């Protein structure tokens, strides 16, 4: 899945306006810290968000990157 997130960030860099945002659904596990770093390297503000509708034991999280660097 990491590869898809990398492609999404690449697409965002090519097509988002400077103040645009990218939201990706990711799962905690191996590779999560690299994805978070990828977002931090490319966006001014990065927020990991776990929706209230998500089960507590679910590993899903949304990474939100706002404002391209």
Protein backbone atom coordinates (compact mmCIF):
# COMPACT_ATOMS: atom_id res chain seq x y z
CA UNK A 1 0.00 0.00 0.00
CA UNK A 2 2.89 2.35 0.66
CA UNK A 3 3.51 2.53 -3.05
CA UNK A 4 0.00 3.88 -3.67
CA UNK A 5 0.45 6.58 -1.04
CA UNK A 6 3.76 7.54 -2.61
CA UNK A 7 1.99 7.86 -5.98
CA UNK A 8 -0.75 9.96 -4.38
CA UNK A 9 1.84 12.34 -2.90
CA UNK A 10 3.58 12.57 -6.28
CA UNK A 11 0.24 13.35 -7.93
CA UNK A 12 -0.52 15.96 -5.27
CA UNK A 13 2.86 17.64 -5.82
CA UNK A 14 2.09 17.89 -9.54
CA UNK A 15 -1.54 19.01 -9.33
CA UNK A 16 -2.43 20.59 -5.97
CA UNK A 17 -2.34 24.31 -5.42
CA UNK A 18 0.02 25.41 -2.66
CA UNK A 19 -2.72 25.48 -0.03
CA UNK A 20 -4.34 22.20 -1.14
CA UNK A 21 -4.75 19.08 0.97
CA UNK A 22 -4.26 15.36 0.52
CA UNK A 23 -6.03 12.73 2.63
CA UNK A 24 -4.89 9.10 2.56
CA UNK A 25 -6.22 6.14 4.50
CA UNK A 26 -3.31 4.22 5.98
CA UNK A 27 -2.89 1.43 8.51
CA UNK A 28 -0.56 1.37 11.50
CA UNK A 29 2.04 -1.31 11.08
CA UNK A 30 5.30 -1.71 9.26
CA UNK A 31 5.84 1.24 6.98
CA UNK A 32 3.57 3.70 8.81
CA UNK A 33 6.44 5.83 10.11
CA UNK A 34 7.89 6.10 6.58
CA UNK A 35 4.52 7.28 5.25
CA UNK A 36 4.21 9.85 8.03
CA UNK A 37 7.73 11.08 7.20
CA UNK A 38 6.82 11.28 3.50
CA UNK A 39 3.88 13.51 4.41
CA UNK A 40 6.02 15.65 6.75
CA UNK A 41 8.62 16.08 4.01
CA UNK A 42 6.02 17.30 1.51
CA UNK A 43 3.38 19.19 3.51
CA UNK A 44 3.57 22.09 5.94
CA UNK A 45 0.95 20.60 8.26
CA UNK A 46 0.38 16.87 8.80
CA UNK A 47 -2.42 15.51 10.96
CA UNK A 48 -3.06 11.84 11.67
CA UNK A 49 -6.80 11.44 12.27
CA UNK A 50 -8.65 8.40 13.59
CA UNK A 51 -12.35 8.85 12.87
CA UNK A 52 -14.83 8.30 15.70
CA UNK A 53 -16.66 5.85 13.43
CA UNK A 54 -13.57 3.63 13.32
CA UNK A 55 -13.41 0.76 15.77
CA UNK A 56 -10.95 1.23 18.63
CA UNK A 57 -8.97 -1.87 17.71
CA UNK A 58 -8.85 -0.98 14.02
CA UNK A 59 -5.43 -0.01 12.70
CA UNK A 60 -6.86 2.49 10.20
CA UNK A 61 -5.87 6.14 10.35
CA UNK A 62 -6.12 8.98 7.89
CA UNK A 63 -3.05 11.08 7.17
CA UNK A 64 -3.99 14.60 6.19
CA UNK A 65 -1.35 16.75 4.55
CA UNK A 66 -2.14 20.44 4.14
CA UNK A 67 -0.13 23.03 2.22
CA UNK A 68 2.64 21.82 -0.05
CA UNK A 69 6.17 22.75 0.93
